[in-house]
Amino acid sequence: MIMTNPILSMNQATIKYADLATALRVCSEAGYRSIGLWREPVEEVGLDTAVKMVKDSGLRVSTMCRGGFFTMEEEPARRASIDDNRKLIEETAALDCHVLVLVVGGLPEGSKDLTGARLRIGEALAELEKDALDAGVTLAIEPLHPMYCTDRACVSTLGQALDIAAPFNPKAVGVTVDTFHIFWDPQVQESIARAGREGRIATYQVCDWKTPLEADPLLSRHYMGEGVIDFRPLTEAVWNTGWRGDIECELFNQKIWDTDPAVVAKKVSDAFDKEVAPYWPL
């Protein structure tokens, strides 16, 4: 078995069509030490079974994806969403994982009120903070590229995410640093440094941006080195904060999903070694 870089984690979305057993096997055989899990494959087998499968695999779980989606106005759907996030916090902790990634949600149907949607994120986090602290799980707000602002995440910059997180204990609420979503931001270096000072970095995720985008912009992520992102300054900025967690590769791309997961695992490892690892001293 060829061992991958010990801090590289395979986010399960990169091998979307692999069930939990396959994903764990592929990552183990490719020499990965950690994996970022998604809730759907976990719930397909049941939490107790998933916990045992992960333990038997020897892999650590770098993150759980995904919580959030609570920008709607107060109504039964919002209550259900917050309760669902409480359940996810418990599932994350059961898997011995300490990071639950949040895609916070976009505009509620029929609304144009981005300010109100953003305020409701903070209100939801206020309800969930104690649950997160009790479970030892950090809720990692993920800013998404502005093209997803209205339908997926009305938080578009790392600075916005940090402002929303500011009232809360950093152990309970942090941020996700994802190169695909934030590389374009003129303030990204300052925001990464701020995230480090405030102890808010919960996970660092890497993949590349290439234009033209795919017909479905959601599926436009590429292997590192195939696009235009300069990983050196971003990676060095995260390193300089002192954060030392696993670095995840998360790829949404139909061609990659249609590829043998073992081939994808090798390509991710090779791309990481070339584009990211040189700027992350071991």
Protein backbone atom coordinates (compact mmCIF):
# COMPACT_ATOMS: atom_id res chain seq x y z
CA MET A 1 0.00 0.00 0.00
CA ILE A 2 1.30 3.46 -0.92
CA MET A 3 0.74 5.88 1.95
CA THR A 4 -0.73 9.26 1.15
CA ASN A 5 0.28 12.45 2.90
CA PRO A 6 -0.77 11.93 6.53
CA ILE A 7 -2.76 15.17 6.73
CA LEU A 8 -4.73 14.65 3.50
CA SER A 9 -8.38 13.70 4.00
CA MET A 10 -10.77 12.48 1.33
CA ASN A 11 -14.11 14.21 1.57
CA GLN A 12 -16.69 11.59 0.72
CA ALA A 13 -18.41 13.90 -1.77
CA THR A 14 -15.38 13.43 -4.04
CA ILE A 15 -16.37 9.78 -4.51
CA LYS A 16 -20.08 10.45 -4.29
CA TYR A 17 -21.33 7.14 -5.66
CA ALA A 18 -19.32 5.04 -3.22
CA ASP A 19 -21.35 3.79 -0.27
CA LEU A 20 -19.82 4.03 3.19
CA ALA A 21 -18.18 0.61 3.11
CA THR A 22 -16.65 1.28 -0.30
CA ALA A 23 -15.47 4.76 0.63
CA LEU A 24 -13.77 3.50 3.78
CA ARG A 25 -12.14 0.61 1.93
CA VAL A 26 -10.92 2.77 -0.97
CA CYS A 27 -9.43 5.37 1.34
CA SER A 28 -7.77 2.77 3.54
CA GLU A 29 -6.29 0.92 0.57
CA ALA A 30 -5.01 4.20 -0.90
CA GLY A 31 -3.22 5.03 2.33
CA TYR A 32 -5.43 7.82 3.59
CA ARG A 33 -5.56 8.36 7.35
CA SER A 34 -8.83 10.31 7.43
CA ILE A 35 -12.12 10.84 5.64
CA GLY A 36 -14.76 13.54 5.66
CA LEU A 37 -18.19 11.90 5.89
CA TRP A 38 -21.60 12.91 4.60
CA ARG A 39 -24.69 12.18 6.64
CA GLU A 40 -26.65 10.33 3.95
CA PRO A 41 -24.26 7.35 3.59
CA VAL A 42 -23.98 7.19 7.39
CA GLU A 43 -27.73 7.13 7.85
CA GLU A 44 -28.14 4.51 5.11
CA VAL A 45 -26.37 1.97 7.31
CA GLY A 46 -27.48 3.42 10.64
CA LEU A 47 -25.36 5.39 13.08
CA ASP A 48 -24.30 2.49 15.30
CA THR A 49 -23.18 0.45 12.31
CA ALA A 50 -21.37 3.44 10.81
CA VAL A 51 -19.50 4.05 14.06
CA LYS A 52 -18.29 0.45 14.08
CA MET A 53 -17.35 0.56 10.39
CA VAL A 54 -15.28 3.70 10.87
CA LYS A 55 -13.57 2.27 13.94
CA ASP A 56 -12.74 -0.95 12.12
CA SER A 57 -11.34 1.00 9.16
CA GLY A 58 -8.76 2.76 11.32
CA LEU A 59 -9.62 6.08 9.67
CA ARG A 60 -10.33 9.24 11.62
CA VAL A 61 -13.26 11.42 10.59
CA SER A 62 -12.10 14.93 9.73
CA THR A 63 -15.55 16.48 9.23
CA MET A 64 -19.22 15.64 8.98
CA CYS A 65 -21.22 17.24 6.16
CA ARG A 66 -23.52 18.94 6.34
CA GLY A 67 -25.68 20.91 8.70
CA GLY A 68 -27.22 24.33 8.34
CA PHE A 69 -30.05 25.47 6.06
CA PHE A 70 -31.83 27.51 8.71
CA THR A 71 -32.37 30.93 7.10
CA MET A 72 -36.13 30.57 6.78
CA GLU A 73 -38.44 32.67 8.93
CA GLU A 74 -39.86 31.21 12.12
CA GLU A 75 -42.24 28.43 11.18
CA PRO A 76 -42.41 24.64 11.56
CA ALA A 77 -39.77 24.14 8.86
CA ARG A 78 -37.29 26.26 10.77
CA ARG A 79 -37.97 24.37 14.00
CA ALA A 80 -37.46 21.11 12.14
CA SER A 81 -34.19 22.35 10.67
CA ILE A 82 -32.77 23.38 14.04
CA ASP A 83 -33.84 20.07 15.58
CA ASP A 84 -32.20 18.26 12.67
CA ASN A 85 -28.96 20.12 13.32
CA ARG A 86 -29.10 19.01 16.95
CA LYS A 87 -29.37 15.43 15.72
CA LEU A 88 -26.41 15.99 13.40
CA ILE A 89 -24.31 17.33 16.25
CA GLU A 90 -24.98 14.11 18.15
CA GLU A 91 -24.13 11.98 15.10
CA THR A 92 -20.90 13.91 14.54
CA ALA A 93 -19.81 13.36 18.13
CA ALA A 94 -20.72 9.66 17.98
CA LEU A 95 -18.30 9.27 15.05
CA ASP A 96 -15.53 10.82 17.18
CA CYS A 97 -15.55 13.80 14.82
CA HIS A 98 -15.28 17.37 16.08
CA VAL A 99 -16.34 19.41 13.05
CA LEU A 100 -19.83 19.75 11.55
CA VAL A 101 -19.72 21.80 8.35
CA LEU A 102 -22.62 24.24 7.93
CA VAL A 103 -24.05 25.33 4.60
CA VAL A 104 -26.21 28.00 6.14
CA GLY A 105 -28.92 28.42 3.49
CA GLY A 106 -29.96 31.07 1.01
CA LEU A 107 -33.04 33.20 0.62
CA PRO A 108 -36.32 31.68 1.77
CA GLU A 109 -38.80 31.13 -1.04
CA GLY A 110 -40.37 34.41 -2.10
CA SER A 111 -37.95 36.55 -0.08
CA LYS A 112 -35.42 39.17 -1.19
CA ASP A 113 -34.25 39.96 2.34
CA LEU A 114 -30.62 38.86 2.55
CA THR A 115 -30.04 40.88 5.70
CA GLY A 116 -32.86 39.06 7.47
CA ALA A 117 -31.63 35.69 6.28
CA ARG A 118 -28.18 36.40 7.66
CA LEU A 119 -29.58 37.54 11.00
CA ARG A 120 -31.45 34.26 11.34
CA ILE A 121 -28.18 32.34 10.99
CA GLY A 122 -26.94 33.95 14.18
CA GLU A 123 -30.25 33.25 15.90
CA ALA A 124 -30.00 29.56 14.99
CA LEU A 125 -26.41 29.36 16.20
CA ALA A 126 -27.46 30.89 19.52
CA GLU A 127 -29.86 27.97 19.95
CA LEU A 128 -27.24 25.40 18.99
CA GLU A 129 -24.17 26.73 20.79
CA LYS A 130 -24.70 24.80 24.02
CA ASP A 131 -25.44 21.57 22.14
CA ALA A 132 -22.19 21.97 20.24
CA LEU A 133 -20.15 22.72 23.35
CA ASP A 134 -21.65 19.79 25.25
CA ALA A 135 -20.84 17.44 22.37
CA GLY A 136 -17.35 18.79 21.68
CA VAL A 137 -18.33 19.67 18.12
CA THR A 138 -17.46 22.87 16.27
CA LEU A 139 -20.11 24.22 13.89
CA ALA A 140 -18.05 25.33 10.90
CA ILE A 141 -19.79 28.07 8.90
CA GLU A 142 -18.81 27.62 5.25
CA PRO A 143 -18.84 30.75 3.12
CA LEU A 144 -19.80 29.81 -0.43
CA HIS A 145 -18.92 31.63 -3.63
CA PRO A 146 -21.38 34.50 -4.30
CA MET A 147 -22.99 32.61 -7.20
CA TYR A 148 -24.58 30.39 -4.54
CA CYS A 149 -25.71 33.29 -2.37
CA THR A 150 -29.45 33.06 -2.93
CA ASP A 151 -30.01 29.31 -3.03
CA ARG A 152 -27.37 27.73 -0.79
CA ALA A 153 -25.45 30.12 1.42
CA CYS A 154 -26.03 33.82 1.91
CA VAL A 155 -22.59 33.99 3.55
CA SER A 156 -20.11 34.61 0.73
CA THR A 157 -16.85 35.66 2.37
CA LEU A 158 -14.71 34.45 5.22
CA GLY A 159 -15.08 37.88 6.80
CA GLN A 160 -18.87 37.55 6.82
CA ALA A 161 -18.60 34.10 8.38
CA LEU A 162 -16.29 35.41 11.09
CA ASP A 163 -18.61 38.30 11.87
CA ILE A 164 -21.51 35.88 12.35
CA ALA A 165 -19.36 33.57 14.48
CA ALA A 166 -17.97 36.39 16.64
CA PRO A 167 -20.56 36.32 19.47
CA PHE A 168 -20.05 32.62 20.10
CA ASN A 169 -17.45 30.46 21.80
CA PRO A 170 -14.82 29.48 19.18
CA LYS A 171 -15.08 25.88 20.39
CA ALA A 172 -18.73 25.92 19.34
CA VAL A 173 -18.73 28.05 16.18
CA GLY A 174 -15.89 28.28 13.68
CA VAL A 175 -15.40 28.61 9.94
CA THR A 176 -14.57 26.47 6.94
CA VAL A 177 -11.74 27.69 4.72
CA ASP A 178 -12.49 26.28 1.25
CA THR A 179 -10.24 27.42 -1.58
CA PHE A 180 -12.93 27.01 -4.25
CA HIS A 181 -15.22 29.47 -2.52
CA ILE A 182 -12.85 32.13 -1.20
CA PHE A 183 -9.79 32.33 -3.47
CA TRP A 184 -11.23 35.36 -5.33
CA ASP A 185 -11.76 37.51 -2.22
CA PRO A 186 -9.35 40.49 -2.05
CA GLN A 187 -9.47 40.30 1.76
CA VAL A 188 -8.91 36.54 1.98
CA GLN A 189 -5.39 36.74 3.44
CA GLU A 190 -6.46 39.15 6.16
CA SER A 191 -9.54 37.04 6.89
CA ILE A 192 -7.52 33.82 7.23
CA ALA A 193 -5.16 35.59 9.63
CA ARG A 194 -8.14 36.89 11.62
CA ALA A 195 -9.67 33.41 11.72
CA GLY A 196 -6.41 32.13 13.16
CA ARG A 197 -6.18 34.87 15.80
CA GLU A 198 -9.76 34.17 16.87
CA GLY A 199 -9.29 30.39 16.92
CA ARG A 200 -12.08 29.91 14.38
CA ILE A 201 -10.52 27.68 11.69
CA ALA A 202 -12.31 24.34 11.90
CA THR A 203 -11.33 22.81 8.56
CA TYR A 204 -9.30 23.63 5.45
CA GLN A 205 -10.67 22.25 2.17
CA VAL A 206 -8.95 22.31 -1.21
CA CYS A 207 -9.96 21.98 -4.83
CA ASP A 208 -9.53 24.07 -7.96
CA TRP A 209 -11.58 26.56 -9.99
CA LYS A 210 -11.63 26.46 -13.78
CA THR A 211 -13.70 28.36 -16.34
CA PRO A 212 -15.91 28.01 -18.21
CA LEU A 213 -18.03 26.56 -15.45
CA GLU A 214 -19.96 23.36 -15.98
CA ALA A 215 -23.62 23.57 -17.06
CA ASP A 216 -24.45 22.98 -13.40
CA PRO A 217 -22.18 25.42 -11.51
CA LEU A 218 -22.43 23.23 -8.43
CA LEU A 219 -20.41 20.55 -10.26
CA SER A 220 -17.52 22.80 -11.28
CA ARG A 221 -14.81 21.74 -8.84
CA HIS A 222 -11.56 20.32 -10.21
CA TYR A 223 -8.44 18.54 -9.05
CA MET A 224 -5.82 20.88 -7.64
CA GLY A 225 -3.59 22.09 -10.45
CA GLU A 226 -6.23 21.90 -13.18
CA GLY A 227 -7.48 25.45 -12.70
CA VAL A 228 -6.45 28.94 -11.70
CA ILE A 229 -6.17 28.84 -7.89
CA ASP A 230 -2.74 29.60 -6.46
CA PHE A 231 -2.61 27.24 -3.49
CA ARG A 232 0.67 28.54 -2.12
CA PRO A 233 -0.49 31.81 -0.51
CA LEU A 234 -3.72 30.29 0.80
CA THR A 235 -2.02 27.23 2.27
CA GLU A 236 0.82 29.25 3.76
CA ALA A 237 -1.71 31.65 5.28
CA VAL A 238 -3.54 28.78 6.99
CA TRP A 239 -0.24 27.23 8.13
CA ASN A 240 0.89 30.54 9.59
CA THR A 241 -2.18 30.67 11.85
CA GLY A 242 -0.91 27.59 13.67
CA TRP A 243 -3.91 25.46 12.69
CA ARG A 244 -2.81 21.83 12.16
CA GLY A 245 -5.88 19.79 11.24
CA ASP A 246 -6.48 17.43 8.34
CA ILE A 247 -6.79 19.08 4.92
CA GLU A 248 -9.75 17.80 2.93
CA CYS A 249 -10.14 17.52 -0.81
CA GLU A 250 -13.80 18.01 -1.73
CA LEU A 251 -14.76 17.70 -5.40
CA PHE A 252 -18.20 18.11 -6.92
CA ASN A 253 -17.74 17.11 -10.54
CA GLN A 254 -19.76 14.64 -12.60
CA LYS A 255 -16.77 13.31 -14.55
CA ILE A 256 -14.92 12.64 -11.31
CA TRP A 257 -17.98 10.98 -9.78
CA ASP A 258 -18.19 8.69 -12.83
CA THR A 259 -14.57 7.61 -12.37
CA ASP A 260 -13.45 4.54 -10.39
CA PRO A 261 -13.09 5.76 -6.77
CA ALA A 262 -9.66 4.14 -6.47
CA VAL A 263 -8.44 6.12 -9.47
CA VAL A 264 -9.87 9.31 -7.96
CA ALA A 265 -8.14 8.63 -4.64
CA LYS A 266 -4.78 8.32 -6.39
CA LYS A 267 -5.31 11.46 -8.48
CA VAL A 268 -6.32 13.46 -5.43
CA SER A 269 -3.22 12.31 -3.56
CA ASP A 270 -0.93 13.13 -6.50
CA ALA A 271 -2.49 16.56 -6.97
CA PHE A 272 -2.22 17.30 -3.25
CA ASP A 273 1.45 16.31 -3.18
CA LYS A 274 2.19 18.67 -6.07
CA GLU A 275 -0.04 21.66 -5.36
CA VAL A 276 -0.58 21.83 -1.58
CA ALA A 277 1.87 19.70 0.39
CA PRO A 278 4.99 21.72 -0.56
CA TYR A 279 3.57 24.65 1.42
CA TRP A 280 2.63 22.62 4.50
CA PRO A 281 5.81 21.63 6.37
CA LEU A 282 5.53 18.29 8.18
